[in-house]
């Protein structure tokens, strides 16, 4: 989508015009409140480091603003992947600062250390949820013209939240 004019900034992206929700058996056009509610329901456990929580909230906020510019879904997804990577850095390196390696290296280290489930022999990006996240992240991070739907973006944000919470489970 080209840069919106100042007058149109707060107008919903036209692609939301065809998206509906069903409430009490009645279909209606999705509103910003519906969109916000879906995103607000995706949370991290309270034990995740503050920097990870901030990175994850940056992803959620970007997804919210995708209501006005659909192309921001991909930006929000990349930020959610970044929050997952930051969570791994904190856990494996004791901080979230710069470190050598990639998401792949961090996941491999976390799997070897028992922090993430081991890769099932013969598994691939279609059969292992973490491998799928790595493949999606790499596809988006290395340049893409892809446009994702709200449903796909929410699934990615939910998956990242799940694995971050797995790494930082709620305190007992």
Protein backbone atom coordinates (compact mmCIF):
# COMPACT_ATOMS: atom_id res chain seq x y z
CA UNK A 1 0.00 0.00 0.00
CA UNK A 2 1.37 3.44 -0.84
CA UNK A 3 1.94 5.95 1.94
CA UNK A 4 -1.42 7.03 3.29
CA UNK A 5 -2.38 10.67 3.13
CA UNK A 6 -2.64 12.55 6.40
CA UNK A 7 -6.43 12.51 6.10
CA UNK A 8 -6.52 8.71 5.69
CA UNK A 9 -4.02 7.64 8.37
CA UNK A 10 -6.70 6.59 10.85
CA UNK A 11 -8.96 4.94 8.29
CA UNK A 12 -9.01 1.12 8.46
CA UNK A 13 -7.08 -0.61 5.73
CA UNK A 14 -9.63 -1.42 3.00
CA UNK A 15 -8.68 -5.11 3.22
CA UNK A 16 -10.39 -5.23 6.62
CA UNK A 17 -13.71 -4.40 4.93
CA UNK A 18 -14.19 -8.06 4.01
CA UNK A 19 -13.24 -9.48 7.41
CA UNK A 20 -16.07 -10.46 9.69
CA UNK A 21 -16.59 -11.84 13.16
CA UNK A 22 -19.54 -13.88 14.29
CA UNK A 23 -21.09 -12.85 17.59
CA UNK A 24 -24.25 -14.49 18.91
CA UNK A 25 -24.76 -16.17 15.55
CA UNK A 26 -24.66 -12.91 13.61
CA UNK A 27 -21.84 -11.95 11.26
CA UNK A 28 -20.63 -8.37 11.34
CA UNK A 29 -17.65 -6.42 10.07
CA UNK A 30 -14.54 -6.70 12.23
CA UNK A 31 -13.87 -3.59 14.29
CA UNK A 32 -10.69 -2.20 15.80
CA UNK A 33 -12.01 -3.36 19.19
CA UNK A 34 -12.33 -6.94 17.88
CA UNK A 35 -8.82 -6.80 16.45
CA UNK A 36 -7.38 -5.30 19.65
CA UNK A 37 -9.18 -7.89 21.79
CA UNK A 38 -7.65 -10.78 19.85
CA UNK A 39 -4.16 -9.36 20.29
CA UNK A 40 -4.66 -8.35 23.93
CA UNK A 41 -5.45 -12.00 24.74
CA UNK A 42 -1.94 -13.10 23.71
CA UNK A 43 0.35 -12.64 26.70
CA UNK A 44 3.67 -13.79 28.09
CA UNK A 45 4.21 -15.34 31.48
CA UNK A 46 5.20 -12.87 34.16
CA UNK A 47 8.69 -14.37 34.55
CA UNK A 48 9.93 -13.32 31.10
CA UNK A 49 12.63 -10.63 31.34
CA UNK A 50 11.44 -7.04 31.01
CA UNK A 51 13.39 -6.55 27.75
CA UNK A 52 11.68 -9.61 26.24
CA UNK A 53 8.27 -8.38 27.40
CA UNK A 54 8.97 -4.95 25.84
CA UNK A 55 10.03 -6.53 22.53
CA UNK A 56 6.92 -8.72 22.55
CA UNK A 57 4.66 -5.73 23.29
CA UNK A 58 6.31 -3.91 20.38
CA UNK A 59 5.18 -6.81 18.19
CA UNK A 60 1.63 -6.71 19.60
CA UNK A 61 1.39 -2.95 19.10
CA UNK A 62 2.58 -3.23 15.52
CA UNK A 63 -0.06 -5.89 14.87
CA UNK A 64 -2.71 -3.57 16.33
CA UNK A 65 -1.67 -0.80 13.92
CA UNK A 66 -1.96 -3.24 11.04
CA UNK A 67 -5.68 -2.47 11.28
CA UNK A 68 -4.76 0.79 9.55
CA UNK A 69 -2.05 -0.64 7.28
CA UNK A 70 -2.35 -4.37 6.53
CA UNK A 71 1.31 -4.57 5.50
CA UNK A 72 2.31 -4.06 9.15
CA UNK A 73 1.29 -7.65 9.94
CA UNK A 74 4.61 -8.89 8.54
CA UNK A 75 6.52 -6.22 10.50
CA UNK A 76 4.77 -7.32 13.70
CA UNK A 77 5.54 -10.97 12.98
CA UNK A 78 9.24 -10.20 12.49
CA UNK A 79 9.22 -8.35 15.82
CA UNK A 80 7.55 -11.35 17.53
CA UNK A 81 10.30 -13.60 16.17
CA UNK A 82 12.80 -11.08 17.51
CA UNK A 83 11.23 -11.31 20.97
CA UNK A 84 11.56 -15.11 20.85
CA UNK A 85 15.21 -14.79 19.82
CA UNK A 86 15.82 -12.25 22.60
CA UNK A 87 14.25 -14.64 25.12
CA UNK A 88 16.69 -17.34 24.02
CA UNK A 89 19.64 -14.93 24.26
CA UNK A 90 18.68 -13.96 27.80
CA UNK A 91 18.35 -17.57 28.87
CA UNK A 92 21.44 -18.92 27.13
CA UNK A 93 23.79 -15.95 27.45
CA UNK A 94 22.54 -14.37 30.66
CA UNK A 95 21.61 -11.14 28.86
CA UNK A 96 19.94 -9.94 25.71
CA UNK A 97 22.92 -8.17 24.22
CA UNK A 98 24.61 -8.88 20.95
CA UNK A 99 25.83 -12.42 20.60
CA UNK A 100 27.31 -14.51 17.89
CA UNK A 101 24.98 -16.88 16.20
CA UNK A 102 21.57 -16.98 14.70
CA UNK A 103 18.12 -18.02 15.79
CA UNK A 104 19.02 -21.45 14.41
CA UNK A 105 22.12 -21.62 16.66
CA UNK A 106 20.17 -20.44 19.70
CA UNK A 107 17.41 -23.00 19.12
CA UNK A 108 19.96 -25.77 18.63
CA UNK A 109 21.70 -24.80 21.88
CA UNK A 110 18.37 -24.65 23.73
CA UNK A 111 17.38 -28.07 22.38
CA UNK A 112 20.72 -29.58 23.42
CA UNK A 113 20.34 -28.04 26.88
CA UNK A 114 16.81 -29.41 27.28
CA UNK A 115 15.24 -25.94 27.31
CA UNK A 116 13.26 -26.67 24.16
CA UNK A 117 11.95 -30.07 23.02
CA UNK A 118 14.41 -32.16 21.04
CA UNK A 119 13.96 -32.29 17.30
CA UNK A 120 12.25 -35.50 16.33
CA UNK A 121 14.41 -37.53 13.92
CA UNK A 122 13.25 -36.88 10.37
CA UNK A 123 11.31 -33.77 11.40
CA UNK A 124 11.21 -30.80 9.08
CA UNK A 125 9.67 -27.33 9.03
CA UNK A 126 6.27 -28.83 8.31
CA UNK A 127 6.31 -31.27 11.22
CA UNK A 128 8.12 -29.40 14.02
CA UNK A 129 6.60 -26.16 15.35
CA UNK A 130 9.93 -24.55 16.22
CA UNK A 131 11.43 -25.46 12.84
CA UNK A 132 8.36 -23.88 11.24
CA UNK A 133 8.97 -20.67 13.17
CA UNK A 134 12.60 -20.59 12.07
CA UNK A 135 11.61 -21.12 8.42
CA UNK A 136 8.95 -18.40 8.59
CA UNK A 137 11.30 -15.99 10.36
CA UNK A 138 14.06 -16.56 7.81
CA UNK A 139 11.64 -16.06 4.95
CA UNK A 140 10.50 -12.71 6.33
CA UNK A 141 13.86 -11.48 7.62
CA UNK A 142 15.70 -11.88 4.35
CA UNK A 143 13.34 -9.70 2.35
CA UNK A 144 9.87 -10.52 1.15
CA UNK A 145 6.91 -9.00 -0.60
CA UNK A 146 4.57 -11.37 1.26
CA UNK A 147 1.44 -10.02 2.87
CA UNK A 148 -0.03 -12.07 5.70
CA UNK A 149 -3.58 -12.17 6.95
CA UNK A 150 -4.62 -11.20 10.48
CA UNK A 151 -5.17 -14.88 11.27
CA UNK A 152 -1.67 -15.88 10.20
CA UNK A 153 -0.10 -13.00 12.12
CA UNK A 154 -2.03 -13.92 15.27
CA UNK A 155 -0.92 -17.54 14.97
CA UNK A 156 2.71 -16.49 14.71
CA UNK A 157 2.45 -14.12 17.67
CA UNK A 158 0.68 -16.85 19.69
CA UNK A 159 3.38 -19.38 18.79
CA UNK A 160 6.16 -16.99 19.83
CA UNK A 161 4.32 -16.26 23.09
CA UNK A 162 3.92 -19.99 23.71
CA UNK A 163 7.63 -20.72 23.29
CA UNK A 164 8.74 -17.66 25.27
CA UNK A 165 6.44 -18.75 28.10
CA UNK A 166 7.85 -22.27 27.75
CA UNK A 167 11.32 -20.82 28.31
CA UNK A 168 10.12 -18.64 31.20
CA UNK A 169 7.29 -20.58 32.85
CA UNK A 170 5.05 -18.95 35.45
CA UNK A 171 6.46 -18.92 38.97
CA UNK A 172 5.01 -21.55 41.29
